[in-house]
Amino acid sequence: RAMRIALERSGVEPGEVVAVLSSQTGLSVADDAEQKAISRVLGDDANVIAPKKLLGEPMGAGAAVNAAIALKAWEKGDDSVPSGPVIVNSLSLGGTNFSLVLKPASD
């Protein structure tokens, strides 16, 4: 639901999203639930990037770290995060879940 709300509020259509910076940390129950939600909203072929699997769990800074990764990649022209609308997911076992849509600045 959080991804759909974020898309609605941003005016971005699901087909425009080029990647999801996921909250996946290796906890199978949570990762499976997030993957199912991504598939429901964006389809089974969604480009999912899972920085925490490489960087570790930054605890409360997860969404900020994922957003910074996207912004820095765009700034440097690094194609590790494709240029276009992305969704940043932040999920918590405590139930605080949200999604944020980021778009590169127009030239």
PDB file of N, CA and C in Angstrom:
ATOM      1  N   ARG A   1       0.816  -1.186   0.000  1.00  0.00           N
ATOM      2  CA  ARG A   1       0.000   0.000   0.000  1.00  0.00           C
ATOM      3  C   ARG A   1       0.862   1.253   0.000  1.00  0.00           C
ATOM      4  N   ALA A   2       1.987   1.243   0.725  1.00  0.00           N
ATOM      5  CA  ALA A   2       2.843   2.432   0.809  1.00  0.00           C
ATOM      6  C   ALA A   2       3.397   2.818  -0.564  1.00  0.00           C
ATOM      7  N   MET A   3       3.767   1.838  -1.376  1.00  0.00           N
ATOM      8  CA  MET A   3       4.290   2.151  -2.701  1.00  0.00           C
ATOM      9  C   MET A   3       3.213   2.770  -3.585  1.00  0.00           C
ATOM     10  N   ARG A   4       2.004   2.239  -3.520  1.00  0.00           N
ATOM     11  CA  ARG A   4       0.907   2.792  -4.329  1.00  0.00           C
ATOM     12  C   ARG A   4       0.607   4.241  -3.919  1.00  0.00           C
ATOM     13  N   ILE A   5       0.594   4.506  -2.629  1.00  0.00           N
ATOM     14  CA  ILE A   5       0.337   5.860  -2.143  1.00  0.00           C
ATOM     15  C   ILE A   5       1.445   6.806  -2.605  1.00  0.00           C
ATOM     16  N   ALA A   6       2.697   6.371  -2.489  1.00  0.00           N
ATOM     17  CA  ALA A   6       3.823   7.210  -2.915  1.00  0.00           C
ATOM     18  C   ALA A   6       3.743   7.516  -4.408  1.00  0.00           C
ATOM     19  N   LEU A   7       3.387   6.513  -5.201  1.00  0.00           N
ATOM     20  CA  LEU A   7       3.249   6.732  -6.642  1.00  0.00           C
ATOM     21  C   LEU A   7       2.125   7.716  -6.943  1.00  0.00           C
ATOM     22  N   GLU A   8       0.990   7.523  -6.287  1.00  0.00           N
ATOM     23  CA  GLU A   8      -0.153   8.428  -6.481  1.00  0.00           C
ATOM     24  C   GLU A   8       0.214   9.867  -6.164  1.00  0.00           C
ATOM     25  N   ARG A   9       0.835  10.066  -5.007  1.00  0.00           N
ATOM     26  CA  ARG A   9       1.166  11.421  -4.556  1.00  0.00           C
ATOM     27  C   ARG A   9       2.241  12.077  -5.424  1.00  0.00           C
ATOM     28  N   SER A  10       3.106  11.274  -6.025  1.00  0.00           N
ATOM     29  CA  SER A  10       4.188  11.831  -6.847  1.00  0.00           C
ATOM     30  C   SER A  10       3.766  12.053  -8.292  1.00  0.00           C
ATOM     31  N   GLY A  11       2.633  11.450  -8.676  1.00  0.00           N
ATOM     32  CA  GLY A  11       2.196  11.546 -10.059  1.00  0.00           C
ATOM     33  C   GLY A  11       2.969  10.642 -11.003  1.00  0.00           C
ATOM     34  N   VAL A  12       3.686   9.674 -10.453  1.00  0.00           N
ATOM     35  CA  VAL A  12       4.467   8.728 -11.252  1.00  0.00           C
ATOM     36  C   VAL A  12       3.645   7.455 -11.440  1.00  0.00           C
ATOM     37  N   GLU A  13       3.596   6.969 -12.666  1.00  0.00           N
ATOM     38  CA  GLU A  13       2.904   5.716 -12.975  1.00  0.00           C
ATOM     39  C   GLU A  13       3.846   4.544 -12.703  1.00  0.00           C
ATOM     40  N   PRO A  14       3.317   3.391 -12.300  1.00  0.00           N
ATOM     41  CA  PRO A  14       4.177   2.229 -12.031  1.00  0.00           C
ATOM     42  C   PRO A  14       5.131   1.896 -13.180  1.00  0.00           C
ATOM     43  N   GLY A  15       4.678   2.040 -14.417  1.00  0.00           N
ATOM     44  CA  GLY A  15       5.522   1.721 -15.564  1.00  0.00           C
ATOM     45  C   GLY A  15       6.690   2.671 -15.759  1.00  0.00           C
ATOM     46  N   GLU A  16       6.674   3.815 -15.087  1.00  0.00           N
ATOM     47  CA  GLU A  16       7.766   4.784 -15.188  1.00  0.00           C
ATOM     48  C   GLU A  16       8.917   4.481 -14.230  1.00  0.00           C
ATOM     49  N   VAL A  17       8.665   3.677 -13.210  1.00  0.00           N
ATOM     50  CA  VAL A  17       9.666   3.394 -12.180  1.00  0.00           C
ATOM     51  C   VAL A  17      10.778   2.524 -12.769  1.00  0.00           C
ATOM     52  N   VAL A  18      12.022   2.999 -12.625  1.00  0.00           N
ATOM     53  CA  VAL A  18      13.155   2.267 -13.198  1.00  0.00           C
ATOM     54  C   VAL A  18      13.829   1.342 -12.194  1.00  0.00           C
ATOM     55  N   ALA A  19      13.594   1.567 -10.889  1.00  0.00           N
ATOM     56  CA  ALA A  19      14.213   0.712  -9.875  1.00  0.00           C
ATOM     57  C   ALA A  19      13.543   0.928  -8.525  1.00  0.00           C
ATOM     58  N   VAL A  20      13.701  -0.067  -7.674  1.00  0.00           N
ATOM     59  CA  VAL A  20      13.278   0.028  -6.275  1.00  0.00           C
ATOM     60  C   VAL A  20      14.520  -0.193  -5.428  1.00  0.00           C
ATOM     61  N   LEU A  21      14.832   0.773  -4.574  1.00  0.00           N
ATOM     62  CA  LEU A  21      15.893   0.575  -3.587  1.00  0.00           C
ATOM     63  C   LEU A  21      15.192  -0.020  -2.376  1.00  0.00           C
ATOM     64  N   SER A  22      15.352  -1.311  -2.223  1.00  0.00           N
ATOM     65  CA  SER A  22      14.539  -2.056  -1.266  1.00  0.00           C
ATOM     66  C   SER A  22      15.113  -1.993   0.137  1.00  0.00           C
ATOM     67  N   SER A  23      14.292  -2.416   1.053  1.00  0.00           N
ATOM     68  CA  SER A  23      14.665  -2.479   2.454  1.00  0.00           C
ATOM     69  C   SER A  23      15.215  -3.861   2.815  1.00  0.00           C
ATOM     70  N   GLN A  24      15.383  -4.726   1.855  1.00  0.00           N
ATOM     71  CA  GLN A  24      15.774  -6.118   2.098  1.00  0.00           C
ATOM     72  C   GLN A  24      17.089  -6.223   2.874  1.00  0.00           C
ATOM     73  N   THR A  25      17.038  -7.024   3.939  1.00  0.00           N
ATOM     74  CA  THR A  25      18.214  -7.176   4.806  1.00  0.00           C
ATOM     75  C   THR A  25      18.652  -8.624   4.970  1.00  0.00           C
ATOM     76  N   GLY A  26      17.913  -9.538   4.384  1.00  0.00           N
ATOM     77  CA  GLY A  26      18.271 -10.942   4.535  1.00  0.00           C
ATOM     78  C   GLY A  26      17.352 -11.687   5.492  1.00  0.00           C
ATOM     79  N   LEU A  27      16.391 -11.024   6.086  1.00  0.00           N
ATOM     80  CA  LEU A  27      15.398 -11.675   6.939  1.00  0.00           C
ATOM     81  C   LEU A  27      14.294 -12.172   6.019  1.00  0.00           C
ATOM     82  N   SER A  28      14.242 -13.474   5.791  1.00  0.00           N
ATOM     83  CA  SER A  28      13.421 -14.029   4.715  1.00  0.00           C
ATOM     84  C   SER A  28      11.940 -13.658   4.797  1.00  0.00           C
ATOM     85  N   VAL A  29      11.350 -13.629   5.972  1.00  0.00           N
ATOM     86  CA  VAL A  29       9.928 -13.309   6.088  1.00  0.00           C
ATOM     87  C   VAL A  29       9.668 -11.892   5.571  1.00  0.00           C
ATOM     88  N   ALA A  30      10.466 -10.940   6.019  1.00  0.00           N
ATOM     89  CA  ALA A  30      10.280  -9.544   5.609  1.00  0.00           C
ATOM     90  C   ALA A  30      10.660  -9.349   4.144  1.00  0.00           C
ATOM     91  N   ASP A  31      11.762  -9.963   3.722  1.00  0.00           N
ATOM     92  CA  ASP A  31      12.202  -9.814   2.326  1.00  0.00           C
ATOM     93  C   ASP A  31      11.187 -10.398   1.360  1.00  0.00           C
ATOM     94  N   ASP A  32      10.622 -11.544   1.702  1.00  0.00           N
ATOM     95  CA  ASP A  32       9.598 -12.165   0.847  1.00  0.00           C
ATOM     96  C   ASP A  32       8.361 -11.289   0.751  1.00  0.00           C
ATOM     97  N   ALA A  33       7.938 -10.718   1.877  1.00  0.00           N
ATOM     98  CA  ALA A  33       6.764  -9.846   1.877  1.00  0.00           C
ATOM     99  C   ALA A  33       7.016  -8.608   1.021  1.00  0.00           C
ATOM    100  N   GLU A  34       8.209  -8.021   1.141  1.00  0.00           N
ATOM    101  CA  GLU A  34       8.509  -6.840   0.334  1.00  0.00           C
ATOM    102  C   GLU A  34       8.550  -7.194  -1.153  1.00  0.00           C
ATOM    103  N   GLN A  35       9.156  -8.325  -1.483  1.00  0.00           N
ATOM    104  CA  GLN A  35       9.244  -8.726  -2.888  1.00  0.00           C
ATOM    105  C   GLN A  35       7.852  -8.967  -3.477  1.00  0.00           C
ATOM    106  N   LYS A  36       6.974  -9.567  -2.709  1.00  0.00           N
ATOM    107  CA  LYS A  36       5.599  -9.776  -3.182  1.00  0.00           C
ATOM    108  C   LYS A  36       4.892  -8.442  -3.412  1.00  0.00           C
ATOM    109  N   ALA A  37       5.109  -7.495  -2.517  1.00  0.00           N
ATOM    110  CA  ALA A  37       4.491  -6.175  -2.673  1.00  0.00           C
ATOM    111  C   ALA A  37       5.038  -5.467  -3.915  1.00  0.00           C
ATOM    112  N   ILE A  38       6.337  -5.550  -4.127  1.00  0.00           N
ATOM    113  CA  ILE A  38       6.947  -4.938  -5.311  1.00  0.00           C
ATOM    114  C   ILE A  38       6.361  -5.565  -6.572  1.00  0.00           C
ATOM    115  N   SER A  39       6.233  -6.876  -6.585  1.00  0.00           N
ATOM    116  CA  SER A  39       5.679  -7.571  -7.752  1.00  0.00           C
ATOM    117  C   SER A  39       4.231  -7.167  -8.009  1.00  0.00           C
ATOM    118  N   ARG A  40       3.437  -7.014  -6.935  1.00  0.00           N
ATOM    119  CA  ARG A  40       2.035  -6.600  -7.096  1.00  0.00           C
ATOM    120  C   ARG A  40       1.934  -5.207  -7.705  1.00  0.00           C
ATOM    121  N   VAL A  41       2.816  -4.307  -7.297  1.00  0.00           N
ATOM    122  CA  VAL A  41       2.726  -2.916  -7.744  1.00  0.00           C
ATOM    123  C   VAL A  41       3.433  -2.700  -9.081  1.00  0.00           C
ATOM    124  N   LEU A  42       4.607  -3.305  -9.255  1.00  0.00           N
ATOM    125  CA  LEU A  42       5.438  -3.011 -10.424  1.00  0.00           C
ATOM    126  C   LEU A  42       5.619  -4.183 -11.378  1.00  0.00           C
ATOM    127  N   GLY A  43       5.155  -5.350 -10.985  1.00  0.00           N
ATOM    128  CA  GLY A  43       5.324  -6.528 -11.831  1.00  0.00           C
ATOM    129  C   GLY A  43       6.533  -7.358 -11.420  1.00  0.00           C
ATOM    130  N   ASP A  44       6.595  -8.551 -11.959  1.00  0.00           N
ATOM    131  CA  ASP A  44       7.647  -9.495 -11.578  1.00  0.00           C
ATOM    132  C   ASP A  44       9.026  -9.126 -12.112  1.00  0.00           C
ATOM    133  N   ASP A  45       9.087  -8.244 -13.095  1.00  0.00           N
ATOM    134  CA  ASP A  45      10.369  -7.883 -13.698  1.00  0.00           C
ATOM    135  C   ASP A  45      10.949  -6.587 -13.140  1.00  0.00           C
ATOM    136  N   ALA A  46      10.443  -6.120 -12.014  1.00  0.00           N
ATOM    137  CA  ALA A  46      10.926  -4.867 -11.438  1.00  0.00           C
ATOM    138  C   ALA A  46      12.414  -4.976 -11.111  1.00  0.00           C
ATOM    139  N   ASN A  47      13.138  -3.899 -11.354  1.00  0.00           N
ATOM    140  CA  ASN A  47      14.562  -3.816 -11.045  1.00  0.00           C
ATOM    141  C   ASN A  47      14.694  -3.489  -9.562  1.00  0.00           C
ATOM    142  N   VAL A  48      15.134  -4.467  -8.768  1.00  0.00           N
ATOM    143  CA  VAL A  48      15.245  -4.290  -7.321  1.00  0.00           C
ATOM    144  C   VAL A  48      16.720  -4.213  -6.941  1.00  0.00           C
ATOM    145  N   ILE A  49      17.065  -3.141  -6.242  1.00  0.00           N
ATOM    146  CA  ILE A  49      18.418  -2.926  -5.754  1.00  0.00           C
ATOM    147  C   ILE A  49      18.356  -3.039  -4.234  1.00  0.00           C
ATOM    148  N   ALA A  50      19.226  -3.855  -3.649  1.00  0.00           N
ATOM    149  CA  ALA A  50      19.193  -4.104  -2.209  1.00  0.00           C
ATOM    150  C   ALA A  50      20.527  -3.706  -1.570  1.00  0.00           C
ATOM    151  N   PRO A  51      20.749  -2.397  -1.345  1.00  0.00           N
ATOM    152  CA  PRO A  51      22.031  -1.943  -0.802  1.00  0.00           C
ATOM    153  C   PRO A  51      22.399  -2.540   0.551  1.00  0.00           C
ATOM    154  N   LYS A  52      21.408  -2.787   1.411  1.00  0.00           N
ATOM    155  CA  LYS A  52      21.714  -3.306   2.746  1.00  0.00           C
ATOM    156  C   LYS A  52      22.400  -4.665   2.698  1.00  0.00           C
ATOM    157  N   LYS A  53      22.144  -5.431   1.639  1.00  0.00           N
ATOM    158  CA  LYS A  53      22.790  -6.738   1.538  1.00  0.00           C
ATOM    159  C   LYS A  53      24.294  -6.582   1.348  1.00  0.00           C
ATOM    160  N   LEU A  54      24.714  -5.445   0.828  1.00  0.00           N
ATOM    161  CA  LEU A  54      26.140  -5.164   0.661  1.00  0.00           C
ATOM    162  C   LEU A  54      26.717  -4.347   1.811  1.00  0.00           C
ATOM    163  N   LEU A  55      25.916  -3.419   2.333  1.00  0.00           N
ATOM    164  CA  LEU A  55      26.409  -2.470   3.323  1.00  0.00           C
ATOM    165  C   LEU A  55      26.127  -2.866   4.762  1.00  0.00           C
ATOM    166  N   GLY A  56      25.173  -3.738   4.970  1.00  0.00           N
ATOM    167  CA  GLY A  56      24.751  -4.068   6.325  1.00  0.00           C
ATOM    168  C   GLY A  56      23.542  -3.234   6.714  1.00  0.00           C
ATOM    169  N   GLU A  57      23.047  -3.450   7.900  1.00  0.00           N
ATOM    170  CA  GLU A  57      21.831  -2.781   8.392  1.00  0.00           C
ATOM    171  C   GLU A  57      22.186  -1.467   9.073  1.00  0.00           C
ATOM    172  N   PRO A  58      21.790  -0.331   8.480  1.00  0.00           N
ATOM    173  CA  PRO A  58      22.082   0.962   9.093  1.00  0.00           C
ATOM    174  C   PRO A  58      21.044   1.393  10.132  1.00  0.00           C
ATOM    175  N   MET A  59      20.205   0.459  10.535  1.00  0.00           N
ATOM    176  CA  MET A  59      19.145   0.702  11.515  1.00  0.00           C
ATOM    177  C   MET A  59      18.211   1.814  11.034  1.00  0.00           C
ATOM    178  N   GLY A  60      17.990   2.846  11.796  1.00  0.00           N
ATOM    179  CA  GLY A  60      17.028   3.880  11.447  1.00  0.00           C
ATOM    180  C   GLY A  60      17.412   4.736  10.254  1.00  0.00           C
ATOM    181  N   ALA A  61      18.629   4.584   9.756  1.00  0.00           N
ATOM    182  CA  ALA A  61      19.082   5.411   8.636  1.00  0.00           C
ATOM    183  C   ALA A  61      18.904   4.718   7.289  1.00  0.00           C
ATOM    184  N   GLY A  62      18.234   3.579   7.242  1.00  0.00           N
ATOM    185  CA  GLY A  62      18.113   2.799   6.014  1.00  0.00           C
ATOM    186  C   GLY A  62      17.557   3.563   4.834  1.00  0.00           C
ATOM    187  N   ALA A  63      16.450   4.258   5.033  1.00  0.00           N
ATOM    188  CA  ALA A  63      15.838   5.004   3.927  1.00  0.00           C
ATOM    189  C   ALA A  63      16.743   6.151   3.494  1.00  0.00           C
ATOM    190  N   ALA A  64      17.353   6.826   4.449  1.00  0.00           N
ATOM    191  CA  ALA A  64      18.247   7.937   4.106  1.00  0.00           C
ATOM    192  C   ALA A  64      19.457   7.433   3.324  1.00  0.00           C
ATOM    193  N   VAL A  65      20.002   6.293   3.714  1.00  0.00           N
ATOM    194  CA  VAL A  65      21.140   5.707   3.001  1.00  0.00           C
ATOM    195  C   VAL A  65      20.723   5.339   1.576  1.00  0.00           C
ATOM    196  N   ASN A  66      19.577   4.701   1.417  1.00  0.00           N
ATOM    197  CA  ASN A  66      19.114   4.314   0.075  1.00  0.00           C
ATOM    198  C   ASN A  66      18.864   5.546  -0.793  1.00  0.00           C
ATOM    199  N   ALA A  67      18.274   6.586  -0.222  1.00  0.00           N
ATOM    200  CA  ALA A  67      18.041   7.813  -0.979  1.00  0.00           C
ATOM    201  C   ALA A  67      19.371   8.450  -1.372  1.00  0.00           C
ATOM    202  N   ALA A  68      20.323   8.479  -0.461  1.00  0.00           N
ATOM    203  CA  ALA A  68      21.633   9.060  -0.758  1.00  0.00           C
ATOM    204  C   ALA A  68      22.342   8.281  -1.867  1.00  0.00           C
ATOM    205  N   ILE A  69      22.200   6.970  -1.870  1.00  0.00           N
ATOM    206  CA  ILE A  69      22.807   6.144  -2.925  1.00  0.00           C
ATOM    207  C   ILE A  69      22.244   6.545  -4.289  1.00  0.00           C
ATOM    208  N   ALA A  70      20.927   6.692  -4.387  1.00  0.00           N
ATOM    209  CA  ALA A  70      20.311   7.082  -5.654  1.00  0.00           C
ATOM    210  C   ALA A  70      20.777   8.473  -6.079  1.00  0.00           C
ATOM    211  N   LEU A  71      20.735   9.422  -5.159  1.00  0.00           N
ATOM    212  CA  LEU A  71      21.101  10.796  -5.498  1.00  0.00           C
ATOM    213  C   LEU A  71      22.567  10.901  -5.918  1.00  0.00           C
ATOM    214  N   LYS A  72      23.443  10.206  -5.220  1.00  0.00           N
ATOM    215  CA  LYS A  72      24.874  10.255  -5.553  1.00  0.00           C
ATOM    216  C   LYS A  72      25.135   9.579  -6.894  1.00  0.00           C
ATOM    217  N   ALA A  73      24.464   8.461  -7.164  1.00  0.00           N
ATOM    218  CA  ALA A  73      24.640   7.778  -8.448  1.00  0.00           C
ATOM    219  C   ALA A  73      24.215   8.688  -9.588  1.00  0.00           C
ATOM    220  N   TRP A  74      23.083   9.364  -9.431  1.00  0.00           N
ATOM    221  CA  TRP A  74      22.614  10.277 -10.472  1.00  0.00           C
ATOM    222  C   TRP A  74      23.594  11.440 -10.655  1.00  0.00           C
ATOM    223  N   GLU A  75      24.085  11.975  -9.537  1.00  0.00           N
ATOM    224  CA  GLU A  75      25.014  13.101  -9.603  1.00  0.00           C
ATOM    225  C   GLU A  75      26.285  12.725 -10.369  1.00  0.00           C
ATOM    226  N   LYS A  76      26.777  11.514 -10.131  1.00  0.00           N
ATOM    227  CA  LYS A  76      28.022  11.071 -10.757  1.00  0.00           C
ATOM    228  C   LYS A  76      27.814  10.446 -12.139  1.00  0.00           C
ATOM    229  N   GLY A  77      26.561  10.260 -12.535  1.00  0.00           N
ATOM    230  CA  GLY A  77      26.299   9.608 -13.807  1.00  0.00           C
ATOM    231  C   GLY A  77      26.584   8.111 -13.758  1.00  0.00           C
ATOM    232  N   ASP A  78      26.577   7.554 -12.558  1.00  0.00           N
ATOM    233  CA  ASP A  78      26.829   6.131 -12.332  1.00  0.00           C
ATOM    234  C   ASP A  78      25.548   5.361 -12.633  1.00  0.00           C
ATOM    235  N   ASP A  79      25.611   4.371 -13.506  1.00  0.00           N
ATOM    236  CA  ASP A  79      24.398   3.653 -13.891  1.00  0.00           C
ATOM    237  C   ASP A  79      24.014   2.522 -12.934  1.00  0.00           C
ATOM    238  N   SER A  80      24.643   2.469 -11.743  1.00  0.00           N
ATOM    239  CA  SER A  80      24.234   1.462 -10.757  1.00  0.00           C
ATOM    240  C   SER A  80      22.798   1.713 -10.294  1.00  0.00           C
ATOM    241  N   VAL A  81      22.365   2.969 -10.368  1.00  0.00           N
ATOM    242  CA  VAL A  81      20.966   3.324 -10.137  1.00  0.00           C
ATOM    243  C   VAL A  81      20.520   4.052 -11.410  1.00  0.00           C
ATOM    244  N   PRO A  82      19.651   3.415 -12.192  1.00  0.00           N
ATOM    245  CA  PRO A  82      19.233   4.027 -13.458  1.00  0.00           C
ATOM    246  C   PRO A  82      18.613   5.407 -13.257  1.00  0.00           C
ATOM    247  N   SER A  83      18.790   6.254 -14.244  1.00  0.00           N
ATOM    248  CA  SER A  83      18.205   7.586 -14.182  1.00  0.00           C
ATOM    249  C   SER A  83      16.716   7.502 -14.517  1.00  0.00           C
ATOM    250  N   GLY A  84      15.904   7.945 -13.620  1.00  0.00           N
ATOM    251  CA  GLY A  84      14.461   7.888 -13.765  1.00  0.00           C
ATOM    252  C   GLY A  84      13.845   7.740 -12.399  1.00  0.00           C
ATOM    253  N   PRO A  85      12.535   7.748 -12.315  1.00  0.00           N
ATOM    254  CA  PRO A  85      11.887   7.618 -11.007  1.00  0.00           C
ATOM    255  C   PRO A  85      12.252   6.297 -10.324  1.00  0.00           C
ATOM    256  N   VAL A  86      12.605   6.393  -9.056  1.00  0.00           N
ATOM    257  CA  VAL A  86      12.876   5.205  -8.247  1.00  0.00           C
ATOM    258  C   VAL A  86      12.015   5.265  -6.996  1.00  0.00           C
ATOM    259  N   ILE A  87      11.777   4.107  -6.424  1.00  0.00           N
ATOM    260  CA  ILE A  87      11.080   4.015  -5.143  1.00  0.00           C
ATOM    261  C   ILE A  87      12.101   3.610  -4.098  1.00  0.00           C
ATOM    262  N   VAL A  88      12.105   4.319  -2.978  1.00  0.00           N
ATOM    263  CA  VAL A  88      12.913   3.940  -1.817  1.00  0.00           C
ATOM    264  C   VAL A  88      11.939   3.393  -0.784  1.00  0.00           C
ATOM    265  N   ASN A  89      12.147   2.130  -0.391  1.00  0.00           N
ATOM    266  CA  ASN A  89      11.300   1.507   0.622  1.00  0.00           C
ATOM    267  C   ASN A  89      11.997   1.515   1.971  1.00  0.00           C
ATOM    268  N   SER A  90      11.228   1.736   3.007  1.00  0.00           N
ATOM    269  CA  SER A  90      11.720   1.641   4.370  1.00  0.00           C
ATOM    270  C   SER A  90      10.716   0.813   5.152  1.00  0.00           C
ATOM    271  N   LEU A  91      11.149  -0.335   5.603  1.00  0.00           N
ATOM    272  CA  LEU A  91      10.262  -1.239   6.331  1.00  0.00           C
ATOM    273  C   LEU A  91      10.846  -1.533   7.703  1.00  0.00           C
ATOM    274  N   SER A  92       9.978  -1.684   8.673  1.00  0.00           N
ATOM    275  CA  SER A  92      10.416  -1.936  10.033  1.00  0.00           C
ATOM    276  C   SER A  92       9.602  -3.070  10.622  1.00  0.00           C
ATOM    277  N   LEU A  93      10.256  -3.907  11.385  1.00  0.00           N
ATOM    278  CA  LEU A  93       9.534  -4.985  12.057  1.00  0.00           C
ATOM    279  C   LEU A  93       8.515  -4.433  13.038  1.00  0.00           C
ATOM    280  N   GLY A  94       8.712  -3.185  13.458  1.00  0.00           N
ATOM    281  CA  GLY A  94       7.761  -2.550  14.358  1.00  0.00           C
ATOM    282  C   GLY A  94       6.535  -2.024  13.649  1.00  0.00           C
ATOM    283  N   GLY A  95       6.516  -2.088  12.321  1.00  0.00           N
ATOM    284  CA  GLY A  95       5.338  -1.705  11.573  1.00  0.00           C
ATOM    285  C   GLY A  95       5.391  -0.335  10.935  1.00  0.00           C
ATOM    286  N   THR A  96       6.503   0.388  11.069  1.00  0.00           N
ATOM    287  CA  THR A  96       6.624   1.680  10.414  1.00  0.00           C
ATOM    288  C   THR A  96       7.134   1.449   9.003  1.00  0.00           C
ATOM    289  N   ASN A  97       6.243   1.545   8.050  1.00  0.00           N
ATOM    290  CA  ASN A  97       6.591   1.271   6.661  1.00  0.00           C
ATOM    291  C   ASN A  97       6.241   2.475   5.811  1.00  0.00           C
ATOM    292  N   PHE A  98       7.159   2.861   4.930  1.00  0.00           N
ATOM    293  CA  PHE A  98       6.829   3.919   3.988  1.00  0.00           C
ATOM    294  C   PHE A  98       7.636   3.747   2.723  1.00  0.00           C
ATOM    295  N   SER A  99       7.194   4.413   1.689  1.00  0.00           N
ATOM    296  CA  SER A  99       7.884   4.437   0.406  1.00  0.00           C
ATOM    297  C   SER A  99       7.974   5.882  -0.040  1.00  0.00           C
ATOM    298  N   LEU A 100       9.061   6.179  -0.718  1.00  0.00           N
ATOM    299  CA  LEU A 100       9.327   7.513  -1.213  1.00  0.00           C
ATOM    300  C   LEU A 100       9.692   7.399  -2.678  1.00  0.00           C
ATOM    301  N   VAL A 101       9.122   8.248  -3.520  1.00  0.00           N
ATOM    302  CA  VAL A 101       9.472   8.265  -4.933  1.00  0.00           C
ATOM    303  C   VAL A 101      10.462   9.412  -5.144  1.00  0.00           C
ATOM    304  N   LEU A 102      11.607   9.101  -5.746  1.00  0.00           N
ATOM    305  CA  LEU A 102      12.600  10.112  -6.095  1.00  0.00           C
ATOM    306  C   LEU A 102      12.732  10.167  -7.603  1.00  0.00           C
ATOM    307  N   LYS A 103      12.923  11.372  -8.116  1.00  0.00           N
ATOM    308  CA  LYS A 103      13.135  11.558  -9.549  1.00  0.00           C
ATOM    309  C   LYS A 103      14.369  12.424  -9.723  1.00  0.00           C
ATOM    310  N   PRO A 104      15.198  12.130 -10.740  1.00  0.00           N
ATOM    311  CA  PRO A 104      16.353  12.996 -10.985  1.00  0.00           C
ATOM    312  C   PRO A 104      15.883  14.400 -11.346  1.00  0.00           C
ATOM    313  N   ALA A 105      16.681  15.377 -10.974  1.00  0.00           N
ATOM    314  CA  ALA A 105      16.357  16.761 -11.318  1.00  0.00           C
ATOM    315  C   ALA A 105      16.424  16.935 -12.827  1.00  0.00           C
ATOM    316  N   SER A 106      15.527  17.731 -13.359  1.00  0.00           N
ATOM    317  CA  SER A 106      15.548  18.023 -14.795  1.00  0.00           C
ATOM    318  C   SER A 106      16.672  18.987 -15.088  1.00  0.00           C
ATOM    319  N   ASP A 107      17.266  18.821 -16.253  1.00  0.00           N
ATOM    320  CA  ASP A 107      18.345  19.743 -16.648  1.00  0.00           C
ATOM    321  C   ASP A 107      17.782  21.042 -17.151  1.00  0.00           C
TER     322      ASP A 107
END
